[in-house]
Amino acid sequence: MEKINEQIQNFSSVLFPYAYNIIGSVEEAKDIVQDVLSKHFTLNVSTTEIVNQKNYLITSVVNHSINSKKRKNKFSSDVERLPEPIATEESDIETHLKDIVKYSLLVLLEQLNVKERAVFVLKEAFHYSHEEIAQVISSTSENSRKLLSRAKAKINPTVRDTSKISNKEASAYLKKYVEAIRNGDTEKLEELFCEDIKVVADGGEKVKVISNVTTGVKNCILLMLEVYKKFQRKQSIKFIEVNHHPALLYLNKSKVMACQIFSFDEEGKIYSINSVIDPVKLKNVVS
């Protein structure tokens, strides 16, 4: 029994990024992984029937995630919802966190249908060949290529090159942002924001936000200053890394009230702020 528990723990770390990258929810990803592992070890599937246990479990988790995401999408509203953020500061220690997709890309993946998303994740995040992908999703390598091509066509026009900005540089820009917000410095914010900046706020079912989606530098500056003045002025701010992006946590004592995830362009300007206020989605952000 001890050996089985150890195997479950080891496989959980390996399998979690596959489920999370497809689902975009920490708790749902954990549930899917737990369900697959529990059934696998409870049924005591004979190892002689499985050539590669790891690949077998990955295939099961990917397909469970696809089906779960399909069901979830049927009941989704027109209101833009953000993926659940996860802290990745420990990615050097917790190696499975390295496979977590960047938050800006995770947001873009919501534009894809589930099969396109699964193929994109397997190809781009886990470097599967099309032949390997076809085996996982019970398709053909030709169909895998078509799905990847469609996925890239949908999201590539909006992808920005941030490779020139290191996390250290991004954190320095973020400190300037915090200073400007605290001082109400609109001129400084204009320097820090791209002209086509987009701010998305997700309060879930429990928290009403001022604006779900705001675009343009002037509108976004007014919004962020109003949010800070009304809600965040008395809260403490903590710098954190979320999904390999610099982020800010706003805390009331030890309770996380909001998480803002920032994306920077190659010039170091902020082109998007994804603000998660939904308390359900803040449970797994380390404070």
Protein backbone atom coordinates (compact mmCIF):
# COMPACT_ATOMS: atom_id res chain seq x y z
CA MET A 1 0.00 0.00 0.00
CA GLU A 2 2.85 2.36 0.82
CA LYS A 3 4.40 1.72 -2.58
CA ILE A 4 1.08 2.47 -4.32
CA ASN A 5 0.69 5.74 -2.40
CA GLU A 6 4.20 6.75 -3.42
CA GLN A 7 3.41 5.96 -7.07
CA ILE A 8 0.20 8.00 -6.89
CA GLN A 9 2.08 10.97 -5.45
CA ASN A 10 4.79 10.78 -8.11
CA PHE A 11 2.32 10.42 -10.97
CA SER A 12 0.17 13.26 -9.61
CA SER A 13 3.01 15.77 -10.13
CA VAL A 14 3.62 14.51 -13.67
CA LEU A 15 -0.04 14.44 -14.70
CA PHE A 16 -1.25 17.69 -13.16
CA PRO A 17 0.18 20.09 -15.81
CA TYR A 18 -1.54 18.13 -18.61
CA ALA A 19 -4.95 18.50 -16.97
CA TYR A 20 -4.42 22.09 -15.81
CA ASN A 21 -3.22 23.37 -19.20
CA ILE A 22 -6.34 21.95 -20.86
CA ILE A 23 -8.85 22.83 -18.13
CA GLY A 24 -7.42 26.08 -16.74
CA SER A 25 -8.61 25.21 -13.23
CA VAL A 26 -6.39 23.95 -10.42
CA GLU A 27 -9.10 22.15 -8.45
CA GLU A 28 -10.67 20.51 -11.51
CA ALA A 29 -7.24 19.41 -12.72
CA LYS A 30 -6.48 17.87 -9.34
CA ASP A 31 -9.84 16.09 -9.33
CA ILE A 32 -9.27 14.65 -12.80
CA VAL A 33 -5.79 13.40 -11.90
CA GLN A 34 -7.04 11.92 -8.64
CA ASP A 35 -9.95 10.21 -10.37
CA VAL A 36 -7.72 8.67 -13.06
CA LEU A 37 -5.13 7.46 -10.54
CA SER A 38 -7.71 6.13 -8.09
CA LYS A 39 -9.47 4.10 -10.76
CA HIS A 40 -6.20 2.89 -12.20
CA PHE A 41 -4.74 1.61 -8.93
CA THR A 42 -8.07 0.50 -7.41
CA LEU A 43 -8.87 -1.65 -10.42
CA ASN A 44 -5.32 -2.97 -10.17
CA VAL A 45 -4.83 -2.93 -13.94
CA SER A 46 -2.35 -5.62 -14.85
CA THR A 47 0.99 -4.12 -15.86
CA THR A 48 1.28 -6.83 -18.50
CA GLU A 49 -1.62 -5.17 -20.33
CA ILE A 50 0.10 -1.77 -20.37
CA VAL A 51 3.35 -1.26 -22.25
CA ASN A 52 4.05 2.16 -20.76
CA GLN A 53 2.17 3.04 -17.56
CA LYS A 54 3.11 6.74 -17.67
CA ASN A 55 1.88 7.18 -21.25
CA TYR A 56 -1.28 5.25 -20.42
CA LEU A 57 -2.07 7.58 -17.51
CA ILE A 58 -1.24 10.73 -19.52
CA THR A 59 -3.61 9.58 -22.26
CA SER A 60 -6.34 8.97 -19.69
CA VAL A 61 -5.86 12.37 -18.05
CA VAL A 62 -5.79 14.24 -21.38
CA ASN A 63 -9.01 12.62 -22.59
CA HIS A 64 -10.75 13.10 -19.24
CA SER A 65 -9.69 16.77 -19.38
CA ILE A 66 -11.03 17.16 -22.93
CA ASN A 67 -14.40 15.71 -21.94
CA SER A 68 -14.57 17.82 -18.78
CA LYS A 69 -13.73 21.01 -20.69
CA LYS A 70 -16.41 20.22 -23.28
CA ARG A 71 -19.04 19.85 -20.56
CA LYS A 72 -17.88 23.06 -18.90
CA ASN A 73 -18.02 25.03 -22.16
CA LYS A 74 -21.66 24.05 -22.69
CA PHE A 75 -22.64 26.02 -19.60
CA SER A 76 -20.22 28.93 -19.97
CA SER A 77 -21.64 32.45 -20.19
CA ASP A 78 -20.74 35.21 -22.61
CA VAL A 79 -18.93 37.05 -19.82
CA GLU A 80 -15.16 36.72 -20.23
CA ARG A 81 -13.77 34.44 -17.51
CA LEU A 82 -10.10 34.05 -16.66
CA PRO A 83 -8.16 30.86 -15.96
CA GLU A 84 -7.36 30.05 -12.35
CA PRO A 85 -3.85 31.36 -11.54
CA ILE A 86 -1.21 29.20 -9.91
CA ALA A 87 1.99 30.34 -8.22
CA THR A 88 5.11 29.22 -10.10
CA GLU A 89 7.84 30.79 -7.98
CA GLU A 90 8.91 27.32 -6.82
CA SER A 91 9.31 25.99 -10.39
CA ASP A 92 13.04 25.48 -9.83
CA ILE A 93 12.21 23.11 -6.98
CA GLU A 94 8.84 21.73 -8.10
CA THR A 95 9.93 20.73 -11.60
CA HIS A 96 6.39 19.93 -12.80
CA LEU A 97 5.54 23.63 -12.50
CA LYS A 98 7.88 24.31 -15.43
CA ASP A 99 5.29 22.66 -17.68
CA ILE A 100 2.56 25.10 -16.65
CA VAL A 101 1.62 27.28 -19.62
CA LYS A 102 2.26 31.03 -19.30
CA TYR A 103 -0.81 32.93 -18.17
CA SER A 104 -1.03 35.17 -21.24
CA LEU A 105 -1.09 32.08 -23.45
CA LEU A 106 -3.54 30.30 -21.16
CA VAL A 107 -5.95 33.21 -21.67
CA LEU A 108 -5.56 32.98 -25.45
CA LEU A 109 -6.20 29.24 -25.39
CA GLU A 110 -9.77 30.00 -24.31
CA GLN A 111 -10.38 31.06 -27.93
CA LEU A 112 -9.82 27.50 -29.13
CA ASN A 113 -12.16 24.55 -29.18
CA VAL A 114 -11.18 21.74 -26.84
CA LYS A 115 -9.47 19.48 -29.41
CA GLU A 116 -7.45 22.40 -30.81
CA ARG A 117 -6.42 23.33 -27.30
CA ALA A 118 -5.36 19.79 -26.40
CA VAL A 119 -3.28 19.43 -29.56
CA PHE A 120 -1.67 22.84 -29.05
CA VAL A 121 -0.78 22.02 -25.43
CA LEU A 122 0.67 18.61 -26.28
CA LYS A 123 2.70 19.99 -29.19
CA GLU A 124 3.89 23.32 -27.83
CA ALA A 125 4.12 22.68 -24.08
CA PHE A 126 5.12 19.00 -24.04
CA HIS A 127 6.77 18.73 -27.49
CA TYR A 128 4.82 15.69 -28.64
CA SER A 129 5.09 14.63 -32.27
CA HIS A 130 1.90 14.57 -34.32
CA GLU A 131 2.08 10.79 -34.35
CA GLU A 132 2.19 10.75 -30.53
CA ILE A 133 -0.67 13.26 -30.30
CA ALA A 134 -2.77 11.13 -32.64
CA GLN A 135 -2.33 8.16 -30.32
CA VAL A 136 -3.32 10.19 -27.26
CA ILE A 137 -6.52 11.68 -28.74
CA SER A 138 -7.42 8.65 -30.92
CA SER A 139 -7.03 10.54 -34.18
CA THR A 140 -4.59 10.72 -37.09
CA SER A 141 -1.34 12.64 -37.42
CA GLU A 142 -2.83 14.50 -40.39
CA ASN A 143 -5.80 15.65 -38.29
CA SER A 144 -3.41 16.65 -35.50
CA ARG A 145 -1.54 18.89 -37.92
CA LYS A 146 -4.80 20.48 -39.10
CA LEU A 147 -5.93 21.13 -35.53
CA LEU A 148 -2.59 22.72 -34.64
CA SER A 149 -2.66 24.90 -37.76
CA ARG A 150 -6.16 26.14 -36.93
CA ALA A 151 -5.16 26.79 -33.32
CA LYS A 152 -2.13 28.85 -34.32
CA ALA A 153 -4.15 30.81 -36.88
CA LYS A 154 -6.60 31.82 -34.14
CA ILE A 155 -4.10 32.94 -31.51
CA ASN A 156 -0.88 33.89 -33.30
CA PRO A 157 -2.09 37.31 -34.49
CA THR A 158 -2.49 38.34 -30.84
CA VAL A 159 0.70 36.80 -29.46
CA ARG A 160 3.39 39.32 -28.55
CA ASP A 161 7.10 38.70 -28.25
CA THR A 162 8.01 39.02 -24.59
CA SER A 163 11.18 36.95 -24.80
CA LYS A 164 13.37 40.05 -24.51
CA ILE A 165 11.97 40.91 -21.08
CA SER A 166 13.34 38.94 -18.15
CA ASN A 167 11.33 38.35 -14.96
CA LYS A 168 13.76 40.62 -13.13
CA GLU A 169 13.16 43.46 -15.60
CA ALA A 170 9.40 42.88 -15.49
CA SER A 171 9.45 43.08 -11.70
CA ALA A 172 11.28 46.43 -11.91
CA TYR A 173 8.59 47.77 -14.27
CA LEU A 174 5.93 46.45 -11.90
CA LYS A 175 7.43 48.40 -8.99
CA LYS A 176 7.14 51.55 -11.11
CA TYR A 177 3.50 50.67 -11.76
CA VAL A 178 2.74 50.27 -8.04
CA GLU A 179 4.42 53.58 -7.28
CA ALA A 180 2.45 55.33 -10.02
CA ILE A 181 -0.87 53.84 -8.85
CA ARG A 182 -0.22 54.83 -5.24
CA ASN A 183 0.68 58.37 -6.27
CA GLY A 184 -2.13 58.70 -8.81
CA ASP A 185 0.53 59.54 -11.41
CA THR A 186 -1.38 59.40 -14.71
CA GLU A 187 1.60 60.59 -16.77
CA LYS A 188 3.76 57.75 -15.47
CA LEU A 189 0.99 55.24 -16.16
CA GLU A 190 0.73 56.53 -19.72
CA GLU A 191 4.44 55.78 -20.12
CA LEU A 192 4.01 52.27 -18.69
CA PHE A 193 0.86 51.27 -20.63
CA CYS A 194 0.59 50.32 -24.30
CA GLU A 195 -1.96 52.32 -26.28
CA ASP A 196 -4.03 49.18 -26.88
CA ILE A 197 -3.78 47.85 -23.32
CA LYS A 198 -6.59 45.52 -22.22
CA VAL A 199 -7.73 44.95 -18.64
CA VAL A 200 -9.93 41.96 -17.87
CA ALA A 201 -11.50 41.48 -14.43
CA ASP A 202 -13.09 38.22 -13.28
CA GLY A 203 -15.14 38.35 -10.10
CA GLY A 204 -16.87 35.04 -10.69
CA GLU A 205 -20.39 34.59 -9.38
CA LYS A 206 -19.80 36.31 -6.03
CA VAL A 207 -17.94 39.56 -6.72
CA LYS A 208 -19.29 42.35 -8.92
CA VAL A 209 -16.54 44.13 -10.83
CA ILE A 210 -16.56 47.73 -12.06
CA SER A 211 -15.83 46.61 -15.62
CA ASN A 212 -15.33 43.12 -17.00
CA VAL A 213 -13.29 44.26 -20.01
CA THR A 214 -11.65 47.66 -20.51
CA THR A 215 -9.44 48.70 -23.42
CA GLY A 216 -7.30 51.70 -24.33
CA VAL A 217 -4.73 53.53 -22.25
CA LYS A 218 -6.98 56.38 -21.03
CA ASN A 219 -9.84 54.11 -19.99
CA CYS A 220 -7.54 51.61 -18.29
CA ILE A 221 -5.74 54.31 -16.30
CA LEU A 222 -9.04 55.69 -15.01
CA LEU A 223 -10.22 52.19 -14.13
CA MET A 224 -7.07 51.10 -12.29
CA LEU A 225 -6.93 54.35 -10.30
CA GLU A 226 -10.61 54.00 -9.35
CA VAL A 227 -10.14 50.35 -8.31
CA TYR A 228 -7.13 51.27 -6.19
CA LYS A 229 -8.92 54.20 -4.55
CA LYS A 230 -12.12 52.25 -3.77
CA PHE A 231 -10.78 48.82 -2.87
CA GLN A 232 -7.01 48.48 -2.71
CA ARG A 233 -5.72 51.56 -0.92
CA LYS A 234 -5.87 49.91 2.51
CA GLN A 235 -4.70 46.51 1.30
CA SER A 236 -1.12 45.31 1.37
CA ILE A 237 0.59 44.42 -1.91
CA LYS A 238 2.84 41.45 -2.50
CA PHE A 239 4.93 40.71 -5.60
CA ILE A 240 4.63 37.13 -6.82
CA GLU A 241 5.16 35.02 -9.92
CA VAL A 242 1.98 33.50 -11.35
CA ASN A 243 2.06 31.14 -14.34
CA HIS A 244 5.57 32.46 -15.12
CA HIS A 245 4.31 36.06 -15.17
CA PRO A 246 4.99 38.85 -12.67
CA ALA A 247 1.89 39.48 -10.60
CA LEU A 248 0.57 41.43 -7.65
CA LEU A 249 -1.43 40.03 -4.75
CA TYR A 250 -3.70 42.39 -2.84
CA LEU A 251 -4.26 41.22 0.73
CA ASN A 252 -6.55 42.19 3.58
CA LYS A 253 -4.39 40.96 6.45
CA SER A 254 -3.61 37.40 5.30
CA LYS A 255 -6.61 36.99 2.98
CA VAL A 256 -5.96 37.31 -0.75
CA MET A 257 -8.51 39.70 -2.22
CA ALA A 258 -7.20 39.98 -5.78
CA CYS A 259 -4.44 38.81 -8.09
CA GLN A 260 -3.32 40.96 -11.00
CA ILE A 261 -1.25 39.20 -13.67
CA PHE A 262 0.75 41.46 -15.99
CA SER A 263 1.98 40.94 -19.55
CA PHE A 264 4.74 43.11 -21.00
CA ASP A 265 5.74 43.68 -24.61
CA GLU A 266 9.33 43.68 -25.89
CA GLU A 267 9.70 47.36 -24.92
CA GLY A 268 8.68 46.71 -21.33
CA LYS A 269 5.22 48.28 -21.66
CA ILE A 270 2.19 46.64 -20.08
CA TYR A 271 -0.20 45.38 -22.74
CA SER A 272 -2.57 43.39 -20.54
CA ILE A 273 -3.66 43.13 -16.92
CA ASN A 274 -5.72 40.10 -15.97
CA SER A 275 -7.32 40.70 -12.61
CA VAL A 276 -8.69 37.66 -10.78
CA ILE A 277 -11.03 38.66 -7.96
CA ASP A 278 -13.15 35.52 -7.86
CA PRO A 279 -12.47 34.04 -4.38
CA VAL A 280 -12.92 30.53 -5.75
CA LYS A 281 -10.01 31.07 -8.14
CA LEU A 282 -7.77 32.64 -5.50
CA LYS A 283 -7.56 29.59 -3.27
CA ASN A 284 -4.37 28.23 -4.79
CA VAL A 285 -2.41 31.45 -5.09
CA VAL A 286 0.27 31.31 -2.42
CA SER A 287 0.19 34.37 -0.20
